[in-house]
Every structure is written in structure tokens, then in C-alpha cells.
Amino acid sequence: MHPLGLVFRHEIIYLVCTIKEYEKINHLALHRFQAASITPKKRDIPEDFDLDEFIGRGEFSYPVKKKSIKLEVIFDRTAAAHLYETPLSEDQVLKDLDNDSVRLTATVKNTSELRW
């Protein structure tokens, strides 16, 4: 394996890497490893690899389709509270509907994580 970075996501730590001579970038959960050792082989890093870009394009969200979707959801005010500080997208809009509800509209990636 050729390590490219570590990503901490919820309670899981992922190793982002390439395997053997393949250029495909993988992410593997570290808790599944039983052992590791250092090899004398030099680490191979793809020239254009950028960890932030890899994460930003949704590789950890399990894309369903590449095209983004317009999401509209009505939340209980309490459930929506964190969305004011941590928006889902740059175009996110939160609109008060009444004392108990908030409507969220945002353009988001179409991912399995969103559907879960």
C-alpha cells in the first residue's frame, strides 16, 4: 500500500491509499487491519492527488450519481439548529415556517449517506 493520508470520519479512521502499482485511490478502515509493516519500497504518490479535493468530491459519502440534487426538507426547529452553524452547501437557505418548523433548501451531492 502507498499511504496518501488519514481521514477521521465519525468514529472511524480511514487510510487513503493506492494499492500495489494501481492508480485507483482507495479508503480502508483502519480498525479492520490486523498488522502492518514497513517495506523498503518507495511510496508512490499520484502527481495530481489532493486529499482535500478527494474528500470534497464526495468519496466518503458514497455517490449514487454525479449530478447534484436540489434538496427541500422541513425540520423541527430543534433538529435544524445545527444547520445554521454547519450548512450542507453554499446555497443553503433556512426559512422559518412557524414556531416549530424550518424549511431547508440546498443543492447537495446525491449520495447514499444522504439517503440513509
PDB file of N, CA and C in Angstrom:
ATOM      1  N   MET A   1       0.844  -1.175   0.000  1.00  0.00           N
ATOM      2  CA  MET A   1       0.000   0.000   0.000  1.00  0.00           C
ATOM      3  C   MET A   1       0.889   1.238   0.000  1.00  0.00           C
ATOM      4  N   HIS A   2       0.354   2.280  -0.632  1.00  0.00           N
ATOM      5  CA  HIS A   2       1.041   3.566  -0.673  1.00  0.00           C
ATOM      6  C   HIS A   2       0.145   4.581   0.041  1.00  0.00           C
ATOM      7  N   PRO A   3       0.428   4.899   1.313  1.00  0.00           N
ATOM      8  CA  PRO A   3      -0.430   5.805   2.073  1.00  0.00           C
ATOM      9  C   PRO A   3      -0.416   7.220   1.507  1.00  0.00           C
ATOM     10  N   LEU A   4      -1.608   7.832   1.446  1.00  0.00           N
ATOM     11  CA  LEU A   4      -1.757   9.201   0.954  1.00  0.00           C
ATOM     12  C   LEU A   4      -2.302  10.124   2.034  1.00  0.00           C
ATOM     13  N   GLY A   5      -2.917   9.563   3.072  1.00  0.00           N
ATOM     14  CA  GLY A   5      -3.447  10.382   4.149  1.00  0.00           C
ATOM     15  C   GLY A   5      -4.359   9.583   5.051  1.00  0.00           C
ATOM     16  N   LEU A   6      -4.703  10.188   6.181  1.00  0.00           N
ATOM     17  CA  LEU A   6      -5.663   9.623   7.115  1.00  0.00           C
ATOM     18  C   LEU A   6      -6.860  10.550   7.184  1.00  0.00           C
ATOM     19  N   VAL A   7      -8.048   9.961   7.219  1.00  0.00           N
ATOM     20  CA  VAL A   7      -9.279  10.733   7.333  1.00  0.00           C
ATOM     21  C   VAL A   7     -10.041  10.199   8.539  1.00  0.00           C
ATOM     22  N   PHE A   8     -10.391  11.112   9.440  1.00  0.00           N
ATOM     23  CA  PHE A   8     -11.171  10.767  10.628  1.00  0.00           C
ATOM     24  C   PHE A   8     -12.612  11.123  10.325  1.00  0.00           C
ATOM     25  N   ARG A   9     -13.465  10.114  10.308  1.00  0.00           N
ATOM     26  CA  ARG A   9     -14.868  10.317   9.960  1.00  0.00           C
ATOM     27  C   ARG A   9     -15.726   9.615  10.991  1.00  0.00           C
ATOM     28  N   HIS A  10     -16.429  10.417  11.766  1.00  0.00           N
ATOM     29  CA  HIS A  10     -17.199   9.895  12.887  1.00  0.00           C
ATOM     30  C   HIS A  10     -16.252   9.112  13.792  1.00  0.00           C
ATOM     31  N   GLU A  11     -16.531   7.875  14.102  1.00  0.00           N
ATOM     32  CA  GLU A  11     -15.669   7.095  14.991  1.00  0.00           C
ATOM     33  C   GLU A  11     -14.629   6.276  14.235  1.00  0.00           C
ATOM     34  N   ILE A  12     -14.570   6.405  12.937  1.00  0.00           N
ATOM     35  CA  ILE A  12     -13.704   5.542  12.125  1.00  0.00           C
ATOM     36  C   ILE A  12     -12.561   6.349  11.521  1.00  0.00           C
ATOM     37  N   ILE A  13     -11.371   5.737  11.522  1.00  0.00           N
ATOM     38  CA  ILE A  13     -10.202   6.329  10.875  1.00  0.00           C
ATOM     39  C   ILE A  13      -9.956   5.545   9.592  1.00  0.00           C
ATOM     40  N   TYR A  14      -9.820   6.267   8.484  1.00  0.00           N
ATOM     41  CA  TYR A  14      -9.585   5.646   7.177  1.00  0.00           C
ATOM     42  C   TYR A  14      -8.182   5.957   6.686  1.00  0.00           C
ATOM     43  N   LEU A  15      -7.556   4.963   6.102  1.00  0.00           N
ATOM     44  CA  LEU A  15      -6.303   5.150   5.386  1.00  0.00           C
ATOM     45  C   LEU A  15      -6.654   5.358   3.926  1.00  0.00           C
ATOM     46  N   VAL A  16      -6.275   6.508   3.370  1.00  0.00           N
ATOM     47  CA  VAL A  16      -6.461   6.772   1.945  1.00  0.00           C
ATOM     48  C   VAL A  16      -5.151   6.345   1.285  1.00  0.00           C
ATOM     49  N   CYS A  17      -5.240   5.495   0.266  1.00  0.00           N
ATOM     50  CA  CYS A  17      -4.027   4.915  -0.292  1.00  0.00           C
ATOM     51  C   CYS A  17      -4.259   4.382  -1.713  1.00  0.00           C
ATOM     52  N   THR A  18      -3.151   4.073  -2.353  1.00  0.00           N
ATOM     53  CA  THR A  18      -3.207   3.248  -3.553  1.00  0.00           C
ATOM     54  C   THR A  18      -2.646   1.882  -3.144  1.00  0.00           C
ATOM     55  N   ILE A  19      -2.980   0.871  -3.901  1.00  0.00           N
ATOM     56  CA  ILE A  19      -2.535  -0.481  -3.580  1.00  0.00           C
ATOM     57  C   ILE A  19      -1.700  -1.016  -4.732  1.00  0.00           C
ATOM     58  N   LYS A  20      -0.528  -1.529  -4.376  1.00  0.00           N
ATOM     59  CA  LYS A  20       0.446  -2.056  -5.337  1.00  0.00           C
ATOM     60  C   LYS A  20       0.753  -1.006  -6.390  1.00  0.00           C
ATOM     61  N   GLU A  21       0.694  -1.357  -7.659  1.00  0.00           N
ATOM     62  CA  GLU A  21       1.014  -0.407  -8.720  1.00  0.00           C
ATOM     63  C   GLU A  21      -0.223   0.248  -9.323  1.00  0.00           C
ATOM     64  N   TYR A  22      -1.391  -0.027  -8.744  1.00  0.00           N
ATOM     65  CA  TYR A  22      -2.631   0.516  -9.285  1.00  0.00           C
ATOM     66  C   TYR A  22      -2.792   1.980  -8.896  1.00  0.00           C
ATOM     67  N   GLU A  23      -3.342   2.785  -9.797  1.00  0.00           N
ATOM     68  CA  GLU A  23      -3.522   4.214  -9.537  1.00  0.00           C
ATOM     69  C   GLU A  23      -4.840   4.527  -8.846  1.00  0.00           C
ATOM     70  N   LYS A  24      -5.769   3.582  -8.810  1.00  0.00           N
ATOM     71  CA  LYS A  24      -7.064   3.825  -8.160  1.00  0.00           C
ATOM     72  C   LYS A  24      -6.836   4.143  -6.680  1.00  0.00           C
ATOM     73  N   ILE A  25      -7.479   5.217  -6.222  1.00  0.00           N
ATOM     74  CA  ILE A  25      -7.338   5.632  -4.831  1.00  0.00           C
ATOM     75  C   ILE A  25      -8.443   4.972  -4.014  1.00  0.00           C
ATOM     76  N   ASN A  26      -8.051   4.341  -2.922  1.00  0.00           N
ATOM     77  CA  ASN A  26      -8.963   3.605  -2.049  1.00  0.00           C
ATOM     78  C   ASN A  26      -8.998   4.251  -0.671  1.00  0.00           C
ATOM     79  N   HIS A  27     -10.024   3.939   0.098  1.00  0.00           N
ATOM     80  CA  HIS A  27     -10.004   4.280   1.522  1.00  0.00           C
ATOM     81  C   HIS A  27     -10.406   3.029   2.295  1.00  0.00           C
ATOM     82  N   LEU A  28      -9.570   2.704   3.281  1.00  0.00           N
ATOM     83  CA  LEU A  28      -9.723   1.467   4.029  1.00  0.00           C
ATOM     84  C   LEU A  28      -9.842   1.785   5.514  1.00  0.00           C
ATOM     85  N   ALA A  29     -10.782   1.165   6.195  1.00  0.00           N
ATOM     86  CA  ALA A  29     -10.998   1.388   7.625  1.00  0.00           C
ATOM     87  C   ALA A  29      -9.867   0.742   8.420  1.00  0.00           C
ATOM     88  N   LEU A  30      -9.185   1.556   9.227  1.00  0.00           N
ATOM     89  CA  LEU A  30      -8.026   1.049   9.972  1.00  0.00           C
ATOM     90  C   LEU A  30      -8.395  -0.020  10.991  1.00  0.00           C
ATOM     91  N   HIS A  31      -9.600   0.015  11.544  1.00  0.00           N
ATOM     92  CA  HIS A  31      -9.957  -0.977  12.552  1.00  0.00           C
ATOM     93  C   HIS A  31     -10.043  -2.397  11.974  1.00  0.00           C
ATOM     94  N   ARG A  32     -10.015  -2.510  10.670  1.00  0.00           N
ATOM     95  CA  ARG A  32     -10.054  -3.837  10.046  1.00  0.00           C
ATOM     96  C   ARG A  32      -8.648  -4.418   9.826  1.00  0.00           C
ATOM     97  N   PHE A  33      -7.616  -3.600  10.031  1.00  0.00           N
ATOM     98  CA  PHE A  33      -6.245  -4.077   9.861  1.00  0.00           C
ATOM     99  C   PHE A  33      -5.866  -4.933  11.066  1.00  0.00           C
ATOM    100  N   GLN A  34      -5.127  -6.007  10.812  1.00  0.00           N
ATOM    101  CA  GLN A  34      -4.628  -6.833  11.899  1.00  0.00           C
ATOM    102  C   GLN A  34      -3.152  -6.585  12.150  1.00  0.00           C
ATOM    103  N   ALA A  35      -2.416  -6.209  11.091  1.00  0.00           N
ATOM    104  CA  ALA A  35      -0.980  -5.955  11.232  1.00  0.00           C
ATOM    105  C   ALA A  35      -0.510  -5.112  10.051  1.00  0.00           C
ATOM    106  N   ALA A  36       0.598  -4.463  10.238  1.00  0.00           N
ATOM    107  CA  ALA A  36       1.209  -3.677   9.163  1.00  0.00           C
ATOM    108  C   ALA A  36       2.717  -3.688   9.361  1.00  0.00           C
ATOM    109  N   SER A  37       3.438  -3.546   8.278  1.00  0.00           N
ATOM    110  CA  SER A  37       4.890  -3.457   8.376  1.00  0.00           C
ATOM    111  C   SER A  37       5.398  -2.528   7.281  1.00  0.00           C
ATOM    112  N   ILE A  38       6.567  -1.985   7.506  1.00  0.00           N
ATOM    113  CA  ILE A  38       7.173  -1.068   6.540  1.00  0.00           C
ATOM    114  C   ILE A  38       7.948  -1.888   5.521  1.00  0.00           C
ATOM    115  N   THR A  39       7.808  -1.537   4.262  1.00  0.00           N
ATOM    116  CA  THR A  39       8.559  -2.205   3.202  1.00  0.00           C
ATOM    117  C   THR A  39       9.653  -1.255   2.713  1.00  0.00           C
ATOM    118  N   PRO A  40      10.682  -1.790   2.115  1.00  0.00           N
ATOM    119  CA  PRO A  40      11.760  -0.933   1.613  1.00  0.00           C
ATOM    120  C   PRO A  40      11.377  -0.172   0.325  1.00  0.00           C
ATOM    121  N   LYS A  41      10.230  -0.526  -0.233  1.00  0.00           N
ATOM    122  CA  LYS A  41       9.775   0.102  -1.473  1.00  0.00           C
ATOM    123  C   LYS A  41       9.412   1.564  -1.233  1.00  0.00           C
ATOM    124  N   LYS A  42       9.770   2.444  -2.163  1.00  0.00           N
ATOM    125  CA  LYS A  42       9.445   3.857  -2.042  1.00  0.00           C
ATOM    126  C   LYS A  42       7.942   4.074  -2.258  1.00  0.00           C
ATOM    127  N   ARG A  43       7.373   4.964  -1.454  1.00  0.00           N
ATOM    128  CA  ARG A  43       5.941   5.283  -1.575  1.00  0.00           C
ATOM    129  C   ARG A  43       5.683   5.988  -2.903  1.00  0.00           C
ATOM    130  N   ASP A  44       4.613   5.586  -3.571  1.00  0.00           N
ATOM    131  CA  ASP A  44       4.227   6.155  -4.865  1.00  0.00           C
ATOM    132  C   ASP A  44       3.002   7.046  -4.661  1.00  0.00           C
ATOM    133  N   ILE A  45       3.173   8.353  -4.886  1.00  0.00           N
ATOM    134  CA  ILE A  45       2.080   9.314  -4.718  1.00  0.00           C
ATOM    135  C   ILE A  45       1.675   9.832  -6.098  1.00  0.00           C
ATOM    136  N   PRO A  46       0.396   9.693  -6.485  1.00  0.00           N
ATOM    137  CA  PRO A  46      -0.044  10.255  -7.769  1.00  0.00           C
ATOM    138  C   PRO A  46       0.251  11.768  -7.819  1.00  0.00           C
ATOM    139  N   GLU A  47       0.754  12.232  -8.936  1.00  0.00           N
ATOM    140  CA  GLU A  47       1.168  13.636  -9.073  1.00  0.00           C
ATOM    141  C   GLU A  47       0.061  14.626  -8.762  1.00  0.00           C
ATOM    142  N   ASP A  48      -1.142  14.343  -9.209  1.00  0.00           N
ATOM    143  CA  ASP A  48      -2.229  15.310  -9.061  1.00  0.00           C
ATOM    144  C   ASP A  48      -3.122  15.040  -7.850  1.00  0.00           C
ATOM    145  N   PHE A  49      -2.669  14.192  -6.918  1.00  0.00           N
ATOM    146  CA  PHE A  49      -3.512  13.856  -5.777  1.00  0.00           C
ATOM    147  C   PHE A  49      -3.600  15.003  -4.784  1.00  0.00           C
ATOM    148  N   ASP A  50      -4.827  15.286  -4.341  1.00  0.00           N
ATOM    149  CA  ASP A  50      -5.092  16.303  -3.318  1.00  0.00           C
ATOM    150  C   ASP A  50      -6.132  15.720  -2.372  1.00  0.00           C
ATOM    151  N   LEU A  51      -5.762  15.495  -1.121  1.00  0.00           N
ATOM    152  CA  LEU A  51      -6.655  14.854  -0.155  1.00  0.00           C
ATOM    153  C   LEU A  51      -7.930  15.666   0.061  1.00  0.00           C
ATOM    154  N   ASP A  52      -7.799  16.988   0.159  1.00  0.00           N
ATOM    155  CA  ASP A  52      -8.995  17.826   0.349  1.00  0.00           C
ATOM    156  C   ASP A  52      -9.953  17.715  -0.828  1.00  0.00           C
ATOM    157  N   GLU A  53      -9.412  17.664  -2.033  1.00  0.00           N
ATOM    158  CA  GLU A  53     -10.253  17.530  -3.241  1.00  0.00           C
ATOM    159  C   GLU A  53     -10.910  16.147  -3.271  1.00  0.00           C
ATOM    160  N   PHE A  54     -10.174  15.111  -2.873  1.00  0.00           N
ATOM    161  CA  PHE A  54     -10.698  13.747  -2.819  1.00  0.00           C
ATOM    162  C   PHE A  54     -11.906  13.684  -1.892  1.00  0.00           C
ATOM    163  N   ILE A  55     -11.786  14.293  -0.719  1.00  0.00           N
ATOM    164  CA  ILE A  55     -12.893  14.324   0.245  1.00  0.00           C
ATOM    165  C   ILE A  55     -14.013  15.208  -0.290  1.00  0.00           C
ATOM    166  N   GLY A  56     -13.651  16.376  -0.843  1.00  0.00           N
ATOM    167  CA  GLY A  56     -14.627  17.350  -1.317  1.00  0.00           C
ATOM    168  C   GLY A  56     -15.524  16.856  -2.435  1.00  0.00           C
ATOM    169  N   ARG A  57     -15.025  15.948  -3.236  1.00  0.00           N
ATOM    170  CA  ARG A  57     -15.879  15.450  -4.326  1.00  0.00           C
ATOM    171  C   ARG A  57     -16.799  14.329  -3.876  1.00  0.00           C
ATOM    172  N   GLY A  58     -16.777  14.031  -2.567  1.00  0.00           N
ATOM    173  CA  GLY A  58     -17.772  13.120  -2.006  1.00  0.00           C
ATOM    174  C   GLY A  58     -17.367  11.668  -1.921  1.00  0.00           C
ATOM    175  N   GLU A  59     -16.082  11.366  -1.960  1.00  0.00           N
ATOM    176  CA  GLU A  59     -15.646   9.967  -1.943  1.00  0.00           C
ATOM    177  C   GLU A  59     -16.029   9.229  -0.665  1.00  0.00           C
ATOM    178  N   PHE A  60     -16.244   9.949   0.428  1.00  0.00           N
ATOM    179  CA  PHE A  60     -16.637   9.295   1.677  1.00  0.00           C
ATOM    180  C   PHE A  60     -18.141   9.322   1.877  1.00  0.00           C
ATOM    181  N   SER A  61     -18.873   9.841   0.912  1.00  0.00           N
ATOM    182  CA  SER A  61     -20.326   9.911   1.018  1.00  0.00           C
ATOM    183  C   SER A  61     -21.009   8.897   0.112  1.00  0.00           C
ATOM    184  N   TYR A  62     -20.248   8.135  -0.606  1.00  0.00           N
ATOM    185  CA  TYR A  62     -20.754   7.085  -1.482  1.00  0.00           C
ATOM    186  C   TYR A  62     -21.742   7.629  -2.511  1.00  0.00           C
ATOM    187  N   PRO A  63     -21.214   8.339  -3.523  1.00  0.00           N
ATOM    188  CA  PRO A  63     -22.081   8.950  -4.542  1.00  0.00           C
ATOM    189  C   PRO A  63     -22.982   7.933  -5.239  1.00  0.00           C
ATOM    190  N   VAL A  64     -24.260   8.306  -5.411  1.00  0.00           N
ATOM    191  CA  VAL A  64     -25.215   7.497  -6.165  1.00  0.00           C
ATOM    192  C   VAL A  64     -25.111   7.907  -7.630  1.00  0.00           C
ATOM    193  N   LYS A  65     -25.115   9.209  -7.863  1.00  0.00           N
ATOM    194  CA  LYS A  65     -24.953   9.783  -9.194  1.00  0.00           C
ATOM    195  C   LYS A  65     -24.073  11.011  -9.068  1.00  0.00           C
ATOM    196  N   LYS A  66     -23.411  11.389 -10.150  1.00  0.00           N
ATOM    197  CA  LYS A  66     -22.518  12.541 -10.104  1.00  0.00           C
ATOM    198  C   LYS A  66     -23.271  13.866 -10.024  1.00  0.00           C
ATOM    199  N   LYS A  67     -24.461  13.900 -10.571  1.00  0.00           N
ATOM    200  CA  LYS A  67     -25.231  15.139 -10.611  1.00  0.00           C
ATOM    201  C   LYS A  67     -25.803  15.457  -9.229  1.00  0.00           C
ATOM    202  N   SER A  68     -25.647  16.710  -8.793  1.00  0.00           N
ATOM    203  CA  SER A  68     -26.216  17.149  -7.516  1.00  0.00           C
ATOM    204  C   SER A  68     -27.733  17.255  -7.624  1.00  0.00           C
ATOM    205  N   ILE A  69     -28.387  17.291  -6.465  1.00  0.00           N
ATOM    206  CA  ILE A  69     -29.847  17.414  -6.426  1.00  0.00           C
ATOM    207  C   ILE A  69     -30.241  18.627  -5.579  1.00  0.00           C
ATOM    208  N   LYS A  70     -31.414  19.151  -5.847  1.00  0.00           N
ATOM    209  CA  LYS A  70     -31.977  20.232  -5.039  1.00  0.00           C
ATOM    210  C   LYS A  70     -32.788  19.575  -3.932  1.00  0.00           C
ATOM    211  N   LEU A  71     -32.350  19.750  -2.697  1.00  0.00           N
ATOM    212  CA  LEU A  71     -32.990  19.131  -1.542  1.00  0.00           C
ATOM    213  C   LEU A  71     -33.888  20.143  -0.855  1.00  0.00           C
ATOM    214  N   GLU A  72     -35.097  19.726  -0.515  1.00  0.00           N
ATOM    215  CA  GLU A  72     -36.007  20.552   0.269  1.00  0.00           C
ATOM    216  C   GLU A  72     -36.585  19.674   1.374  1.00  0.00           C
ATOM    217  N   VAL A  73     -36.347  20.099   2.623  1.00  0.00           N
ATOM    218  CA  VAL A  73     -36.775  19.305   3.775  1.00  0.00           C
ATOM    219  C   VAL A  73     -37.355  20.240   4.831  1.00  0.00           C
ATOM    220  N   ILE A  74     -38.401  19.789   5.496  1.00  0.00           N
ATOM    221  CA  ILE A  74     -38.945  20.545   6.621  1.00  0.00           C
ATOM    222  C   ILE A  74     -38.513  19.826   7.899  1.00  0.00           C
ATOM    223  N   PHE A  75     -37.831  20.582   8.767  1.00  0.00           N
ATOM    224  CA  PHE A  75     -37.325  20.063  10.025  1.00  0.00           C
ATOM    225  C   PHE A  75     -38.065  20.675  11.201  1.00  0.00           C
ATOM    226  N   ASP A  76     -38.131  19.941  12.267  1.00  0.00           N
ATOM    227  CA  ASP A  76     -38.484  20.507  13.553  1.00  0.00           C
ATOM    228  C   ASP A  76     -37.360  21.508  13.889  1.00  0.00           C
ATOM    229  N   ARG A  77     -37.698  22.616  14.491  1.00  0.00           N
ATOM    230  CA  ARG A  77     -36.729  23.678  14.775  1.00  0.00           C
ATOM    231  C   ARG A  77     -35.508  23.149  15.544  1.00  0.00           C
ATOM    232  N   THR A  78     -35.753  22.298  16.531  1.00  0.00           N
ATOM    233  CA  THR A  78     -34.643  21.758  17.314  1.00  0.00           C
ATOM    234  C   THR A  78     -33.703  20.922  16.453  1.00  0.00           C
ATOM    235  N   ALA A  79     -34.268  20.103  15.576  1.00  0.00           N
ATOM    236  CA  ALA A  79     -33.453  19.257  14.701  1.00  0.00           C
ATOM    237  C   ALA A  79     -32.656  20.076  13.694  1.00  0.00           C
ATOM    238  N   ALA A  80     -33.138  21.253  13.330  1.00  0.00           N
ATOM    239  CA  ALA A  80     -32.475  22.101  12.337  1.00  0.00           C
ATOM    240  C   ALA A  80     -31.424  23.021  12.938  1.00  0.00           C
ATOM    241  N   ALA A  81     -31.346  23.093  14.259  1.00  0.00           N
ATOM    242  CA  ALA A  81     -30.481  24.079  14.923  1.00  0.00           C
ATOM    243  C   ALA A  81     -29.033  24.034  14.438  1.00  0.00           C
ATOM    244  N   HIS A  82     -28.465  22.850  14.283  1.00  0.00           N
ATOM    245  CA  HIS A  82     -27.051  22.760  13.883  1.00  0.00           C
ATOM    246  C   HIS A  82     -26.815  23.207  12.434  1.00  0.00           C
ATOM    247  N   LEU A  83     -27.860  23.232  11.616  1.00  0.00           N
ATOM    248  CA  LEU A  83     -27.698  23.622  10.209  1.00  0.00           C
ATOM    249  C   LEU A  83     -27.375  25.107  10.043  1.00  0.00           C
ATOM    250  N   TYR A  84     -27.637  25.903  11.045  1.00  0.00           N
ATOM    251  CA  TYR A  84     -27.273  27.318  10.992  1.00  0.00           C
ATOM    252  C   TYR A  84     -25.757  27.491  11.086  1.00  0.00           C
ATOM    253  N   GLU A  85     -25.111  26.595  11.827  1.00  0.00           N
ATOM    254  CA  GLU A  85     -23.657  26.684  12.007  1.00  0.00           C
ATOM    255  C   GLU A  85     -22.878  25.807  11.040  1.00  0.00           C
ATOM    256  N   THR A  86     -23.506  24.743  10.566  1.00  0.00           N
ATOM    257  CA  THR A  86     -22.818  23.812   9.670  1.00  0.00           C
ATOM    258  C   THR A  86     -23.688  23.555   8.441  1.00  0.00           C
ATOM    259  N   PRO A  87     -23.707  24.497   7.492  1.00  0.00           N
ATOM    260  CA  PRO A  87     -24.566  24.343   6.315  1.00  0.00           C
ATOM    261  C   PRO A  87     -24.179  23.134   5.467  1.00  0.00           C
ATOM    262  N   LEU A  88     -25.180  22.600   4.789  1.00  0.00           N
ATOM    263  CA  LEU A  88     -24.964  21.459   3.892  1.00  0.00           C
ATOM    264  C   LEU A  88     -24.340  21.867   2.569  1.00  0.00           C
ATOM    265  N   SER A  89     -24.551  23.132   2.163  1.00  0.00           N
ATOM    266  CA  SER A  89     -23.997  23.614   0.895  1.00  0.00           C
ATOM    267  C   SER A  89     -23.895  25.134   0.939  1.00  0.00           C
ATOM    268  N   GLU A  90     -23.221  25.689  -0.067  1.00  0.00           N
ATOM    269  CA  GLU A  90     -23.055  27.143  -0.129  1.00  0.00           C
ATOM    270  C   GLU A  90     -24.373  27.862  -0.412  1.00  0.00           C
ATOM    271  N   ASP A  91     -25.298  27.192  -1.090  1.00  0.00           N
ATOM    272  CA  ASP A  91     -26.573  27.849  -1.424  1.00  0.00           C
ATOM    273  C   ASP A  91     -27.698  27.500  -0.446  1.00  0.00           C
ATOM    274  N   GLN A  92     -27.344  26.936   0.702  1.00  0.00           N
ATOM    275  CA  GLN A  92     -28.352  26.548   1.689  1.00  0.00           C
ATOM    276  C   GLN A  92     -29.163  27.760   2.151  1.00  0.00           C
ATOM    277  N   VAL A  93     -30.480  27.557   2.242  1.00  0.00           N
ATOM    278  CA  VAL A  93     -31.389  28.580   2.770  1.00  0.00           C
ATOM    279  C   VAL A  93     -32.260  27.917   3.831  1.00  0.00           C
ATOM    280  N   LEU A  94     -32.340  28.548   5.002  1.00  0.00           N
ATOM    281  CA  LEU A  94     -33.222  28.093   6.073  1.00  0.00           C
ATOM    282  C   LEU A  94     -34.304  29.142   6.249  1.00  0.00           C
ATOM    283  N   LYS A  95     -35.558  28.714   6.175  1.00  0.00           N
ATOM    284  CA  LYS A  95     -36.684  29.641   6.291  1.00  0.00           C
ATOM    285  C   LYS A  95     -37.598  29.181   7.417  1.00  0.00           C
ATOM    286  N   ASP A  96     -37.873  30.100   8.334  1.00  0.00           N
ATOM    287  CA  ASP A  96     -38.816  29.799   9.416  1.00  0.00           C
ATOM    288  C   ASP A  96     -40.216  29.663   8.827  1.00  0.00           C
ATOM    289  N   LEU A  97     -40.887  28.567   9.154  1.00  0.00           N
ATOM    290  CA  LEU A  97     -42.257  28.355   8.691  1.00  0.00           C
ATOM    291  C   LEU A  97     -43.260  28.741   9.775  1.00  0.00           C
ATOM    292  N   ASP A  98     -42.931  28.411  10.996  1.00  0.00           N
ATOM    293  CA  ASP A  98     -43.749  28.771  12.151  1.00  0.00           C
ATOM    294  C   ASP A  98     -42.856  28.615  13.373  1.00  0.00           C
ATOM    295  N   ASN A  99     -43.409  28.577  14.541  1.00  0.00           N
ATOM    296  CA  ASN A  99     -42.601  28.469  15.758  1.00  0.00           C
ATOM    297  C   ASN A  99     -41.904  27.128  15.914  1.00  0.00           C
ATOM    298  N   ASP A 100     -42.375  26.115  15.204  1.00  0.00           N
ATOM    299  CA  ASP A 100     -41.841  24.768  15.391  1.00  0.00           C
ATOM    300  C   ASP A 100     -41.106  24.195  14.187  1.00  0.00           C
ATOM    301  N   SER A 101     -41.178  24.850  13.006  1.00  0.00           N
ATOM    302  CA  SER A 101     -40.648  24.251  11.783  1.00  0.00           C
ATOM    303  C   SER A 101     -39.736  25.188  11.006  1.00  0.00           C
ATOM    304  N   VAL A 102     -38.784  24.578  10.306  1.00  0.00           N
ATOM    305  CA  VAL A 102     -37.845  25.292   9.453  1.00  0.00           C
ATOM    306  C   VAL A 102     -37.740  24.535   8.135  1.00  0.00           C
ATOM    307  N   ARG A 103     -37.780  25.266   7.011  1.00  0.00           N
ATOM    308  CA  ARG A 103     -37.603  24.634   5.690  1.00  0.00           C
ATOM    309  C   ARG A 103     -36.164  24.851   5.250  1.00  0.00           C
ATOM    310  N   LEU A 104     -35.530  23.756   4.884  1.00  0.00           N
ATOM    311  CA  LEU A 104     -34.180  23.791   4.339  1.00  0.00           C
ATOM    312  C   LEU A 104     -34.258  23.582   2.836  1.00  0.00           C
ATOM    313  N   THR A 105     -33.571  24.415   2.065  1.00  0.00           N
ATOM    314  CA  THR A 105     -33.351  24.135   0.647  1.00  0.00           C
ATOM    315  C   THR A 105     -31.854  24.257   0.414  1.00  0.00           C
ATOM    316  N   ALA A 106     -31.311  23.318  -0.351  1.00  0.00           N
ATOM    317  CA  ALA A 106     -29.872  23.300  -0.615  1.00  0.00           C
ATOM    318  C   ALA A 106     -29.597  22.384  -1.796  1.00  0.00           C
ATOM    319  N   THR A 107     -28.557  22.713  -2.533  1.00  0.00           N
ATOM    320  CA  THR A 107     -28.077  21.834  -3.592  1.00  0.00           C
ATOM    321  C   THR A 107     -26.994  20.956  -2.981  1.00  0.00           C
ATOM    322  N   VAL A 108     -27.214  19.639  -3.022  1.00  0.00           N
ATOM    323  CA  VAL A 108     -26.311  18.704  -2.357  1.00  0.00           C
ATOM    324  C   VAL A 108     -25.949  17.553  -3.303  1.00  0.00           C
ATOM    325  N   LYS A 109     -24.879  16.858  -2.952  1.00  0.00           N
ATOM    326  CA  LYS A 109     -24.485  15.676  -3.714  1.00  0.00           C
ATOM    327  C   LYS A 109     -25.514  14.568  -3.481  1.00  0.00           C
ATOM    328  N   ASN A 110     -25.801  13.817  -4.523  1.00  0.00           N
ATOM    329  CA  ASN A 110     -26.740  12.702  -4.455  1.00  0.00           C
ATOM    330  C   ASN A 110     -25.965  11.476  -3.975  1.00  0.00           C
ATOM    331  N   THR A 111     -26.031  11.223  -2.662  1.00  0.00           N
ATOM    332  CA  THR A 111     -25.206  10.170  -2.070  1.00  0.00           C
ATOM    333  C   THR A 111     -26.039   9.176  -1.263  1.00  0.00           C
ATOM    334  N   SER A 112     -25.455   8.021  -1.055  1.00  0.00           N
ATOM    335  CA  SER A 112     -26.081   7.032  -0.179  1.00  0.00           C
ATOM    336  C   SER A 112     -26.166   7.564   1.237  1.00  0.00           C
ATOM    337  N   GLU A 113     -25.154   8.284   1.667  1.00  0.00           N
ATOM    338  CA  GLU A 113     -25.160   8.851   3.017  1.00  0.00           C
ATOM    339  C   GLU A 113     -26.355   9.780   3.220  1.00  0.00           C
ATOM    340  N   LEU A 114     -26.658  10.610   2.242  1.00  0.00           N
ATOM    341  CA  LEU A 114     -27.818  11.494   2.334  1.00  0.00           C
ATOM    342  C   LEU A 114     -29.099  10.669   2.431  1.00  0.00           C
ATOM    343  N   ARG A 115     -29.215   9.639   1.632  1.00  0.00           N
ATOM    344  CA  ARG A 115     -30.415   8.810   1.635  1.00  0.00           C
ATOM    345  C   ARG A 115     -30.587   8.046   2.953  1.00  0.00           C
ATOM    346  N   TRP A 116     -29.478   7.662   3.584  1.00  0.00           N
ATOM    347  CA  TRP A 116     -29.560   6.979   4.883  1.00  0.00           C
ATOM    348  C   TRP A 116     -30.115   7.926   5.901  1.00  0.00           C
TER     349      TRP A 116
END
